[in-house]
Each structure stands twice: as structure tokens, then as C-alpha cells.
Amino acid sequence: MGIIEALLTAVSLCADCFAVSLCSGTTIKKITARRLTGLALIFAIIQAGLLGIGYLAGNLLIGLIFKISHIVGFLLLLYVGGSMLIEGIRGEEEALNLNGLLNVVIGGVATSIDALAVGVAQSMARLDGSSFRILFASVFAVTALSVIAGVWGGKTLGSKLGRWAEIIGGCVLIGIGVSLLF
């Protein structure tokens, strides 16, 4: 696997991270460089970590991963998106979004289940160690950048659309979760 293939795989894997960050960014009250860096690192560590776990697991888990990954992803996104939707409708100040560590981890895992499956597939395709390191680094970097861009873009939208952005964001996350089932 070359650098171009690794970057394309990374972009494909981080699309959900970007969507969650964009939707959740609408509810973040104050964005600091420290907070944004922390969010990006948590998502990137989870995404690259699950890719690595999948790569190491190889043949041992492939049947289980492909059978349940869509269900786990759906349930996690339904939880995060549904909570955002409910809080947006209620008009409460703090919705369940990226404002707490638990929510960040749930969002990170929900958007990274596919990375686990890709890691298993790469292991079974006998991807050599140096190619995997390129893929791992690409996934980490692209995920971190997508989260930064998503949160920043979501904050911009949120300041213009108010609680409607939160309602729309919750619906989008639920939609992504439902799409995992088909």
C-alpha cells in the first residue's frame, strides 16, 4: 500500500468523524486550542487504535466484526444523535455532544468501528508492517484534521443557526446510524 492509497483509505474512514464533529461543533460554547487539540487527539487515537487492533486481530475476529459492526455503530450514533435531538428540541443549554469526555469517547468509538474492520481486512490481505505504519499514520493525521475542521465548521454553523443546528445535527447523526444498518 502506497501513500496515496493510505491517504484515500484514511479520508474514507474519517468521513463519519468529520460528520460527528461538524454536528457536535454546533453545540460547543467555547472552542480553545487546547480543547480542539484534545478532541482531535481522542478521535485520532481511537480511530487509529481500532485500526491497529483490527490489524492485530486478523482472522480471529473477522466473522464477528463484520456481523455486528453496523449494529454497534448504529446504537452509538443513535444514542449521541438522539440525545442531541432531544436536547435541541427542549432548548436546554447543554446537550449530549462533545462537551464531555464520555461523549467524546462514545462519538470516537461510534465513528471508528469501520476502522476495526479495515484493520482486519488489511491483516488478511497480508499488508506488510511498513505499509501498515504508513496507513496507521495517515489515519491518525487525517482523522485529527477532520475533527478540527468539523468542530470549527460546526461552531460557525451553530452560531448562525442556534438550536436548530443542534436539532439538524442530531438528525444527521441518527441518519448516519440508520445508514449503517443497510
Protein backbone atom coordinates (compact mmCIF):
# COMPACT_ATOMS: atom_id res chain seq x y z
CA MET A 1 0.00 0.00 0.00
CA GLY A 2 1.41 3.36 -1.05
CA ILE A 3 0.95 6.77 0.48
CA ILE A 4 -1.86 7.72 -1.92
CA GLU A 5 -3.83 4.57 -1.11
CA ALA A 6 -3.23 5.10 2.61
CA LEU A 7 -4.47 8.69 2.42
CA LEU A 8 -7.56 7.69 0.43
CA THR A 9 -8.34 4.97 2.98
CA ALA A 10 -7.84 7.48 5.80
CA VAL A 11 -10.17 10.01 4.18
CA SER A 12 -12.80 7.32 3.72
CA LEU A 13 -12.54 6.21 7.33
CA CYS A 14 -12.74 9.69 8.82
CA ALA A 15 -15.88 10.84 6.97
CA ASP A 16 -18.04 9.87 9.96
CA CYS A 17 -15.63 11.60 12.37
CA PHE A 18 -15.98 14.77 10.33
CA ALA A 19 -19.79 14.49 10.32
CA VAL A 20 -19.99 13.92 14.09
CA SER A 21 -17.55 16.78 14.73
CA LEU A 22 -19.47 19.10 12.43
CA CYS A 23 -22.80 18.29 14.07
CA SER A 24 -21.42 18.41 17.60
CA GLY A 25 -19.44 21.55 16.95
CA THR A 26 -22.73 23.41 16.73
CA THR A 27 -23.23 22.99 20.49
CA ILE A 28 -19.77 23.73 21.82
CA LYS A 29 -19.92 27.03 23.68
CA LYS A 30 -16.23 27.94 23.64
CA ILE A 31 -13.51 26.49 21.45
CA THR A 32 -9.97 26.80 22.73
CA ALA A 33 -6.84 25.47 21.05
CA ARG A 34 -6.36 23.06 23.96
CA ARG A 35 -9.89 21.72 23.74
CA LEU A 36 -9.80 21.38 19.97
CA THR A 37 -6.45 19.59 20.16
CA GLY A 38 -7.82 17.25 22.83
CA LEU A 39 -10.90 16.38 20.77
CA ALA A 40 -8.81 15.76 17.67
CA LEU A 41 -6.34 13.57 19.57
CA ILE A 42 -9.03 11.46 21.23
CA PHE A 43 -10.79 10.79 17.93
CA ALA A 44 -7.48 10.09 16.17
CA ILE A 45 -6.24 7.76 18.90
CA ILE A 46 -9.50 5.80 18.90
CA GLN A 47 -9.66 5.60 15.09
CA ALA A 48 -6.01 4.59 14.64
CA GLY A 49 -6.16 2.37 17.72
CA LEU A 50 -9.13 0.40 16.43
CA LEU A 51 -7.39 0.10 13.05
CA GLY A 52 -4.37 -1.36 14.86
CA ILE A 53 -6.47 -3.70 16.98
CA GLY A 54 -8.22 -4.94 13.84
CA TYR A 55 -4.89 -5.47 12.11
CA LEU A 56 -3.60 -7.50 15.06
CA ALA A 57 -6.80 -9.48 15.46
CA GLY A 58 -6.74 -10.65 11.83
CA ASN A 59 -8.56 -13.90 11.26
CA LEU A 60 -9.62 -14.33 14.89
CA LEU A 61 -12.41 -11.76 14.85
CA ILE A 62 -13.31 -11.20 11.21
CA GLY A 63 -16.66 -13.00 11.29
CA LEU A 64 -17.79 -11.25 14.47
CA ILE A 65 -16.65 -7.79 13.39
CA PHE A 66 -18.46 -7.84 10.08
CA LYS A 67 -21.61 -9.25 11.68
CA ILE A 68 -22.03 -6.69 14.46
CA SER A 69 -20.09 -3.57 13.45
CA HIS A 70 -23.09 -1.94 11.80
CA ILE A 71 -25.31 -2.62 14.82
CA VAL A 72 -22.79 -1.25 17.34
CA GLY A 73 -22.19 1.84 15.20
CA PHE A 74 -25.94 2.38 14.79
CA LEU A 75 -26.63 2.14 18.53
CA LEU A 76 -23.82 4.52 19.47
CA LEU A 77 -24.81 7.11 16.86
CA LEU A 78 -28.47 6.74 17.79
CA TYR A 79 -27.54 7.47 21.40
CA VAL A 80 -25.45 10.56 20.62
CA GLY A 81 -27.73 11.87 17.84
CA GLY A 82 -30.93 11.15 19.74
CA SER A 83 -29.65 12.95 22.80
CA MET A 84 -28.66 15.97 20.70
CA LEU A 85 -32.07 15.98 19.03
CA ILE A 86 -33.98 15.76 22.32
CA GLU A 87 -31.89 18.45 24.00
CA GLY A 88 -32.20 20.69 20.93
CA ILE A 89 -35.98 20.35 20.94
CA ARG A 90 -36.13 21.03 24.68
CA GLY A 91 -33.89 24.05 24.15
CA GLU A 92 -31.73 23.16 27.12
CA GLU A 93 -28.35 24.78 27.48
CA GLU A 94 -26.13 21.71 27.37
CA ALA A 95 -26.89 18.82 25.06
CA LEU A 96 -25.19 15.46 24.92
CA ASN A 97 -22.46 16.18 22.43
CA LEU A 98 -18.70 16.65 22.52
CA ASN A 99 -18.89 18.68 25.75
CA GLY A 100 -17.93 15.73 27.98
CA LEU A 101 -15.19 13.11 27.87
CA LEU A 102 -17.69 10.22 27.85
CA ASN A 103 -19.49 11.75 24.87
CA VAL A 104 -16.22 12.28 23.02
CA VAL A 105 -15.22 8.65 23.58
CA ILE A 106 -18.67 7.38 22.52
CA GLY A 107 -18.51 9.56 19.40
CA GLY A 108 -15.00 8.35 18.68
CA VAL A 109 -15.90 4.68 19.02
CA ALA A 110 -19.14 5.07 17.06
CA THR A 111 -17.27 6.56 14.14
CA SER A 112 -14.34 4.15 14.27
CA ILE A 113 -15.94 0.70 14.15
CA ASP A 114 -15.26 0.59 10.42
CA ALA A 115 -11.54 1.19 11.12
CA LEU A 116 -11.52 -2.05 13.11
CA ALA A 117 -12.93 -3.93 10.14
CA VAL A 118 -10.46 -2.27 7.75
CA GLY A 119 -7.62 -3.28 10.06
CA VAL A 120 -8.77 -6.90 9.96
CA ALA A 121 -9.08 -6.77 6.17
CA GLN A 122 -5.57 -5.33 5.83
CA SER A 123 -4.22 -8.06 8.08
CA MET A 124 -5.88 -10.73 5.97
CA ALA A 125 -4.55 -9.09 2.80
CA ARG A 126 -1.10 -9.60 4.30
CA LEU A 127 -0.23 -5.92 4.39
CA ASP A 128 3.40 -5.68 5.47
CA GLY A 129 4.47 -3.81 8.59
CA SER A 130 5.91 -0.72 6.90
CA SER A 131 2.81 -0.29 4.72
CA PHE A 132 0.62 -0.65 7.79
CA ARG A 133 2.63 2.02 9.63
CA ILE A 134 2.01 4.40 6.69
CA LEU A 135 -1.71 3.59 6.83
CA PHE A 136 -1.79 3.98 10.62
CA ALA A 137 -0.06 7.39 10.50
CA SER A 138 -2.33 8.52 7.66
CA VAL A 139 -5.49 7.53 9.52
CA PHE A 140 -4.28 9.27 12.68
CA ALA A 141 -3.37 12.54 10.93
CA VAL A 142 -6.37 12.74 8.61
CA THR A 143 -8.80 11.93 11.44
CA ALA A 144 -7.32 14.63 13.67
CA LEU A 145 -7.54 17.20 10.87
CA SER A 146 -11.12 16.21 10.01
CA VAL A 147 -12.22 16.65 13.63
CA ILE A 148 -10.61 20.08 13.82
CA ALA A 149 -12.28 21.12 10.55
CA GLY A 150 -15.61 19.63 11.62
CA VAL A 151 -15.73 21.27 15.04
CA TRP A 152 -14.66 24.61 13.62
CA GLY A 153 -17.25 24.41 10.83
CA GLY A 154 -19.94 23.27 13.25
CA LYS A 155 -19.21 26.13 15.61
CA THR A 156 -19.60 28.57 12.73
CA LEU A 157 -22.92 26.99 11.73
CA GLY A 158 -24.10 26.79 15.34
CA SER A 159 -23.53 30.47 15.95
CA LYS A 160 -25.70 31.27 12.92
CA LEU A 161 -28.44 28.67 13.32
CA GLY A 162 -28.68 28.36 17.12
CA ARG A 163 -30.57 25.38 18.49
CA TRP A 164 -31.82 24.43 15.01
CA ALA A 165 -28.25 23.45 14.18
CA GLU A 166 -28.32 21.08 17.16
CA ILE A 167 -31.62 19.56 16.03
CA ILE A 168 -30.34 19.16 12.47
CA GLY A 169 -27.06 17.72 13.77
CA GLY A 170 -28.89 15.14 15.88
CA CYS A 171 -30.99 14.11 12.87
CA VAL A 172 -27.87 13.78 10.70
CA LEU A 173 -26.18 11.54 13.26
CA ILE A 174 -29.26 9.35 13.56
CA GLY A 175 -29.37 9.18 9.75
CA ILE A 176 -25.73 8.07 9.60
CA GLY A 177 -26.50 5.43 12.22
CA VAL A 178 -29.53 4.16 10.31
CA SER A 179 -27.47 4.00 7.10
CA LEU A 180 -25.11 1.58 8.85
CA LEU A 181 -27.94 -0.93 9.09
CA PHE A 182 -28.35 -1.21 5.30
